[in-house]
Amino acid sequence: MRPMRLRALNFATHQDTEIKLKGIDAAVILGMNGSGKSSMMIDCLLVSVFGKGRTGDLDNYIKNGRR
């Protein structure tokens, strides 16, 4: 199954980020170091499907108390 969109709210460096993937077969994600590329494209999916990211500690990803 392919994701159609990714949305991160208060997740890692993202306050409110949405990426729409419908109709996209291949993409290149560019950005400066520390801008959140891996957290959005890897950890966001891992946490949503398996309940843990690459480090396994949700406290590193989810920013409690933010809106």
PDB file of N, CA and C in Angstrom:
ATOM      1  N   MET A   1       0.835  -1.177   0.000  1.00  0.00           N
ATOM      2  CA  MET A   1       0.000   0.000   0.000  1.00  0.00           C
ATOM      3  C   MET A   1       0.885   1.248   0.000  1.00  0.00           C
ATOM      4  N   ARG A   2       0.559   2.186  -0.840  1.00  0.00           N
ATOM      5  CA  ARG A   2       1.312   3.432  -0.938  1.00  0.00           C
ATOM      6  C   ARG A   2       0.590   4.533  -0.173  1.00  0.00           C
ATOM      7  N   PRO A   3       1.328   5.305   0.613  1.00  0.00           N
ATOM      8  CA  PRO A   3       0.692   6.441   1.294  1.00  0.00           C
ATOM      9  C   PRO A   3       0.305   7.519   0.287  1.00  0.00           C
ATOM     10  N   MET A   4      -0.862   8.119   0.487  1.00  0.00           N
ATOM     11  CA  MET A   4      -1.344   9.179  -0.391  1.00  0.00           C
ATOM     12  C   MET A   4      -0.953  10.559   0.115  1.00  0.00           C
ATOM     13  N   ARG A   5      -0.771  10.660   1.447  1.00  0.00           N
ATOM     14  CA  ARG A   5      -0.308  11.912   2.021  1.00  0.00           C
ATOM     15  C   ARG A   5       0.305  11.634   3.380  1.00  0.00           C
ATOM     16  N   LEU A   6       1.222  12.490   3.762  1.00  0.00           N
ATOM     17  CA  LEU A   6       1.838  12.437   5.081  1.00  0.00           C
ATOM     18  C   LEU A   6       1.562  13.767   5.755  1.00  0.00           C
ATOM     19  N   ARG A   7       1.093  13.705   6.990  1.00  0.00           N
ATOM     20  CA  ARG A   7       0.873  14.929   7.749  1.00  0.00           C
ATOM     21  C   ARG A   7       1.483  14.749   9.121  1.00  0.00           C
ATOM     22  N   ALA A   8       2.304  15.695   9.510  1.00  0.00           N
ATOM     23  CA  ALA A   8       2.960  15.657  10.810  1.00  0.00           C
ATOM     24  C   ALA A   8       2.548  16.889  11.605  1.00  0.00           C
ATOM     25  N   LEU A   9       1.934  16.653  12.762  1.00  0.00           N
ATOM     26  CA  LEU A   9       1.560  17.720  13.684  1.00  0.00           C
ATOM     27  C   LEU A   9       2.380  17.560  14.951  1.00  0.00           C
ATOM     28  N   ASN A  10       3.165  18.582  15.286  1.00  0.00           N
ATOM     29  CA  ASN A  10       3.996  18.550  16.492  1.00  0.00           C
ATOM     30  C   ASN A  10       4.854  17.294  16.547  1.00  0.00           C
ATOM     31  N   PHE A  11       5.452  16.975  15.447  1.00  0.00           N
ATOM     32  CA  PHE A  11       6.275  15.771  15.315  1.00  0.00           C
ATOM     33  C   PHE A  11       7.688  16.179  14.933  1.00  0.00           C
ATOM     34  N   ALA A  12       8.649  15.889  15.798  1.00  0.00           N
ATOM     35  CA  ALA A  12      10.058  16.238  15.575  1.00  0.00           C
ATOM     36  C   ALA A  12      10.170  17.735  15.276  1.00  0.00           C
ATOM     37  N   THR A  13      10.726  18.123  14.145  1.00  0.00           N
ATOM     38  CA  THR A  13      10.895  19.543  13.823  1.00  0.00           C
ATOM     39  C   THR A  13       9.677  20.138  13.128  1.00  0.00           C
ATOM     40  N   HIS A  14       8.639  19.355  12.912  1.00  0.00           N
ATOM     41  CA  HIS A  14       7.461  19.799  12.150  1.00  0.00           C
ATOM     42  C   HIS A  14       6.331  20.230  13.076  1.00  0.00           C
ATOM     43  N   GLN A  15       5.884  21.477  12.925  1.00  0.00           N
ATOM     44  CA  GLN A  15       4.721  21.921  13.675  1.00  0.00           C
ATOM     45  C   GLN A  15       3.443  21.485  12.960  1.00  0.00           C
ATOM     46  N   ASP A  16       3.374  21.715  11.675  1.00  0.00           N
ATOM     47  CA  ASP A  16       2.231  21.293  10.867  1.00  0.00           C
ATOM     48  C   ASP A  16       2.710  21.202   9.418  1.00  0.00           C
ATOM     49  N   THR A  17       3.070  19.991   9.007  1.00  0.00           N
ATOM     50  CA  THR A  17       3.608  19.770   7.666  1.00  0.00           C
ATOM     51  C   THR A  17       2.778  18.703   6.970  1.00  0.00           C
ATOM     52  N   GLU A  18       2.429  18.953   5.720  1.00  0.00           N
ATOM     53  CA  GLU A  18       1.682  17.971   4.936  1.00  0.00           C
ATOM     54  C   GLU A  18       2.343  17.815   3.572  1.00  0.00           C
ATOM     55  N   ILE A  19       2.529  16.569   3.165  1.00  0.00           N
ATOM     56  CA  ILE A  19       3.067  16.250   1.849  1.00  0.00           C
ATOM     57  C   ILE A  19       2.048  15.365   1.139  1.00  0.00           C
ATOM     58  N   LYS A  20       1.586  15.804  -0.025  1.00  0.00           N
ATOM     59  CA  LYS A  20       0.612  15.031  -0.798  1.00  0.00           C
ATOM     60  C   LYS A  20       1.361  14.208  -1.835  1.00  0.00           C
ATOM     61  N   LEU A  21       1.132  12.900  -1.825  1.00  0.00           N
ATOM     62  CA  LEU A  21       1.870  11.985  -2.687  1.00  0.00           C
ATOM     63  C   LEU A  21       1.012  11.335  -3.764  1.00  0.00           C
ATOM     64  N   LYS A  22      -0.260  11.656  -3.820  1.00  0.00           N
ATOM     65  CA  LYS A  22      -1.150  11.050  -4.800  1.00  0.00           C
ATOM     66  C   LYS A  22      -0.671  11.362  -6.215  1.00  0.00           C
ATOM     67  N   GLY A  23      -0.482  10.322  -7.013  1.00  0.00           N
ATOM     68  CA  GLY A  23      -0.058  10.479  -8.394  1.00  0.00           C
ATOM     69  C   GLY A  23       1.437  10.658  -8.575  1.00  0.00           C
ATOM     70  N   ILE A  24       2.195  10.586  -7.491  1.00  0.00           N
ATOM     71  CA  ILE A  24       3.648  10.747  -7.587  1.00  0.00           C
ATOM     72  C   ILE A  24       4.305   9.372  -7.526  1.00  0.00           C
ATOM     73  N   ASP A  25       5.094   9.043  -8.533  1.00  0.00           N
ATOM     74  CA  ASP A  25       5.769   7.751  -8.582  1.00  0.00           C
ATOM     75  C   ASP A  25       7.168   7.802  -7.977  1.00  0.00           C
ATOM     76  N   ALA A  26       7.836   8.928  -8.091  1.00  0.00           N
ATOM     77  CA  ALA A  26       9.191   9.076  -7.546  1.00  0.00           C
ATOM     78  C   ALA A  26       9.378  10.534  -7.133  1.00  0.00           C
ATOM     79  N   ALA A  27      10.150  10.738  -6.074  1.00  0.00           N
ATOM     80  CA  ALA A  27      10.382  12.094  -5.585  1.00  0.00           C
ATOM     81  C   ALA A  27      11.775  12.192  -4.981  1.00  0.00           C
ATOM     82  N   VAL A  28      12.300  13.394  -4.971  1.00  0.00           N
ATOM     83  CA  VAL A  28      13.566  13.697  -4.314  1.00  0.00           C
ATOM     84  C   VAL A  28      13.253  14.717  -3.224  1.00  0.00           C
ATOM     85  N   ILE A  29      13.688  14.427  -2.008  1.00  0.00           N
ATOM     86  CA  ILE A  29      13.463  15.330  -0.888  1.00  0.00           C
ATOM     87  C   ILE A  29      14.776  16.048  -0.593  1.00  0.00           C
ATOM     88  N   LEU A  30      14.758  17.358  -0.739  1.00  0.00           N
ATOM     89  CA  LEU A  30      15.958  18.170  -0.531  1.00  0.00           C
ATOM     90  C   LEU A  30      15.756  19.109   0.647  1.00  0.00           C
ATOM     91  N   GLY A  31      16.824  19.355   1.379  1.00  0.00           N
ATOM     92  CA  GLY A  31      16.765  20.307   2.474  1.00  0.00           C
ATOM     93  C   GLY A  31      18.083  20.328   3.214  1.00  0.00           C
ATOM     94  N   MET A  32      18.243  21.324   4.042  1.00  0.00           N
ATOM     95  CA  MET A  32      19.460  21.464   4.820  1.00  0.00           C
ATOM     96  C   MET A  32      19.506  20.402   5.920  1.00  0.00           C
ATOM     97  N   ASN A  33      20.686  20.164   6.469  1.00  0.00           N
ATOM     98  CA  ASN A  33      20.829  19.238   7.582  1.00  0.00           C
ATOM     99  C   ASN A  33      19.972  19.711   8.749  1.00  0.00           C
ATOM    100  N   GLY A  34      19.258  18.774   9.359  1.00  0.00           N
ATOM    101  CA  GLY A  34      18.425  19.094  10.511  1.00  0.00           C
ATOM    102  C   GLY A  34      17.079  19.695  10.180  1.00  0.00           C
ATOM    103  N   SER A  35      16.710  19.743   8.906  1.00  0.00           N
ATOM    104  CA  SER A  35      15.438  20.365   8.527  1.00  0.00           C
ATOM    105  C   SER A  35      14.248  19.423   8.670  1.00  0.00           C
ATOM    106  N   GLY A  36      14.483  18.130   8.923  1.00  0.00           N
ATOM    107  CA  GLY A  36      13.386  17.207   9.172  1.00  0.00           C
ATOM    108  C   GLY A  36      13.027  16.295   8.017  1.00  0.00           C
ATOM    109  N   LYS A  37      13.912  16.132   7.063  1.00  0.00           N
ATOM    110  CA  LYS A  37      13.621  15.264   5.913  1.00  0.00           C
ATOM    111  C   LYS A  37      13.393  13.821   6.361  1.00  0.00           C
ATOM    112  N   SER A  38      14.326  13.276   7.107  1.00  0.00           N
ATOM    113  CA  SER A  38      14.221  11.878   7.550  1.00  0.00           C
ATOM    114  C   SER A  38      13.089  11.679   8.535  1.00  0.00           C
ATOM    115  N   SER A  39      12.882  12.652   9.416  1.00  0.00           N
ATOM    116  CA  SER A  39      11.801  12.492  10.384  1.00  0.00           C
ATOM    117  C   SER A  39      10.448  12.465   9.688  1.00  0.00           C
ATOM    118  N   MET A  40      10.302  13.227   8.613  1.00  0.00           N
ATOM    119  CA  MET A  40       9.029  13.246   7.887  1.00  0.00           C
ATOM    120  C   MET A  40       8.851  12.004   7.027  1.00  0.00           C
ATOM    121  N   MET A  41       9.875  11.614   6.294  1.00  0.00           N
ATOM    122  CA  MET A  41       9.732  10.541   5.321  1.00  0.00           C
ATOM    123  C   MET A  41       9.937   9.145   5.917  1.00  0.00           C
ATOM    124  N   ILE A  42      10.653   9.032   7.019  1.00  0.00           N
ATOM    125  CA  ILE A  42      10.922   7.716   7.606  1.00  0.00           C
ATOM    126  C   ILE A  42      10.214   7.560   8.942  1.00  0.00           C
ATOM    127  N   ASP A  43      10.551   8.428   9.900  1.00  0.00           N
ATOM    128  CA  ASP A  43      10.027   8.266  11.252  1.00  0.00           C
ATOM    129  C   ASP A  43       8.523   8.482  11.338  1.00  0.00           C
ATOM    130  N   CYS A  44       8.001   9.409  10.578  1.00  0.00           N
ATOM    131  CA  CYS A  44       6.558   9.658  10.576  1.00  0.00           C
ATOM    132  C   CYS A  44       5.802   8.393  10.172  1.00  0.00           C
ATOM    133  N   LEU A  45       6.275   7.725   9.144  1.00  0.00           N
ATOM    134  CA  LEU A  45       5.645   6.475   8.705  1.00  0.00           C
ATOM    135  C   LEU A  45       5.840   5.360   9.733  1.00  0.00           C
ATOM    136  N   LEU A  46       7.043   5.218  10.263  1.00  0.00           N
ATOM    137  CA  LEU A  46       7.313   4.162  11.246  1.00  0.00           C
ATOM    138  C   LEU A  46       6.455   4.326  12.501  1.00  0.00           C
ATOM    139  N   VAL A  47       6.352   5.549  13.003  1.00  0.00           N
ATOM    140  CA  VAL A  47       5.556   5.790  14.208  1.00  0.00           C
ATOM    141  C   VAL A  47       4.082   5.533  13.941  1.00  0.00           C
ATOM    142  N   SER A  48       3.589   5.947  12.780  1.00  0.00           N
ATOM    143  CA  SER A  48       2.165   5.760  12.493  1.00  0.00           C
ATOM    144  C   SER A  48       1.802   4.294  12.280  1.00  0.00           C
ATOM    145  N   VAL A  49       2.707   3.498  11.736  1.00  0.00           N
ATOM    146  CA  VAL A  49       2.400   2.092  11.460  1.00  0.00           C
ATOM    147  C   VAL A  49       2.792   1.173  12.622  1.00  0.00           C
ATOM    148  N   PHE A  50       3.999   1.389  13.181  1.00  0.00           N
ATOM    149  CA  PHE A  50       4.521   0.461  14.182  1.00  0.00           C
ATOM    150  C   PHE A  50       4.553   1.027  15.603  1.00  0.00           C
ATOM    151  N   GLY A  51       4.291   2.313  15.758  1.00  0.00           N
ATOM    152  CA  GLY A  51       4.280   2.909  17.085  1.00  0.00           C
ATOM    153  C   GLY A  51       5.653   3.251  17.628  1.00  0.00           C
ATOM    154  N   LYS A  52       6.687   3.175  16.796  1.00  0.00           N
ATOM    155  CA  LYS A  52       8.026   3.591  17.206  1.00  0.00           C
ATOM    156  C   LYS A  52       8.838   3.965  15.971  1.00  0.00           C
ATOM    157  N   GLY A  53       9.740   4.911  16.163  1.00  0.00           N
ATOM    158  CA  GLY A  53      10.595   5.369  15.078  1.00  0.00           C
ATOM    159  C   GLY A  53      11.929   4.647  15.100  1.00  0.00           C
ATOM    160  N   ARG A  54      12.901   5.224  14.429  1.00  0.00           N
ATOM    161  CA  ARG A  54      14.223   4.599  14.355  1.00  0.00           C
ATOM    162  C   ARG A  54      14.879   4.465  15.718  1.00  0.00           C
ATOM    163  N   THR A  55      14.683   5.434  16.614  1.00  0.00           N
ATOM    164  CA  THR A  55      15.284   5.355  17.943  1.00  0.00           C
ATOM    165  C   THR A  55      14.422   4.551  18.905  1.00  0.00           C
ATOM    166  N   GLY A  56      13.152   4.343  18.572  1.00  0.00           N
ATOM    167  CA  GLY A  56      12.255   3.579  19.428  1.00  0.00           C
ATOM    168  C   GLY A  56      11.655   4.380  20.574  1.00  0.00           C
ATOM    169  N   ASP A  57      12.073   5.627  20.766  1.00  0.00           N
ATOM    170  CA  ASP A  57      11.599   6.444  21.879  1.00  0.00           C
ATOM    171  C   ASP A  57      10.686   7.548  21.340  1.00  0.00           C
ATOM    172  N   LEU A  58       9.382   7.456  21.622  1.00  0.00           N
ATOM    173  CA  LEU A  58       8.435   8.435  21.107  1.00  0.00           C
ATOM    174  C   LEU A  58       8.656   9.830  21.677  1.00  0.00           C
ATOM    175  N   ASP A  59       9.275   9.931  22.853  1.00  0.00           N
ATOM    176  CA  ASP A  59       9.528  11.246  23.441  1.00  0.00           C
ATOM    177  C   ASP A  59      10.433  12.094  22.562  1.00  0.00           C
ATOM    178  N   ASN A  60      11.250  11.480  21.727  1.00  0.00           N
ATOM    179  CA  ASN A  60      12.111  12.234  20.814  1.00  0.00           C
ATOM    180  C   ASN A  60      11.347  12.795  19.626  1.00  0.00           C
ATOM    181  N   TYR A  61      10.171  12.262  19.351  1.00  0.00           N
ATOM    182  CA  TYR A  61       9.426  12.672  18.162  1.00  0.00           C
ATOM    183  C   TYR A  61       8.218  13.547  18.469  1.00  0.00           C
ATOM    184  N   ILE A  62       7.423  13.137  19.427  1.00  0.00           N
ATOM    185  CA  ILE A  62       6.157  13.825  19.686  1.00  0.00           C
ATOM    186  C   ILE A  62       6.375  14.986  20.658  1.00  0.00           C
ATOM    187  N   LYS A  63       5.927  16.156  20.261  1.00  0.00           N
ATOM    188  CA  LYS A  63       6.072  17.347  21.080  1.00  0.00           C
ATOM    189  C   LYS A  63       4.762  17.591  21.821  1.00  0.00           C
ATOM    190  N   ASN A  64       4.678  17.141  23.071  1.00  0.00           N
ATOM    191  CA  ASN A  64       3.468  17.305  23.886  1.00  0.00           C
ATOM    192  C   ASN A  64       3.246  18.760  24.249  1.00  0.00           C
ATOM    193  N   GLY A  65       1.977  19.130  24.356  1.00  0.00           N
ATOM    194  CA  GLY A  65       1.636  20.476  24.782  1.00  0.00           C
ATOM    195  C   GLY A  65       1.665  21.521  23.689  1.00  0.00           C
ATOM    196  N   ARG A  66       1.973  21.128  22.481  1.00  0.00           N
ATOM    197  CA  ARG A  66       1.978  22.081  21.361  1.00  0.00           C
ATOM    198  C   ARG A  66       0.701  21.932  20.573  1.00  0.00           C
ATOM    199  N   ARG A  67       0.311  23.001  19.916  1.00  0.00           N
ATOM    200  CA  ARG A  67      -0.841  22.974  19.019  1.00  0.00           C
ATOM    201  C   ARG A  67      -0.453  23.594  17.720  1.00  0.00           C
TER     202      ARG A  67
END
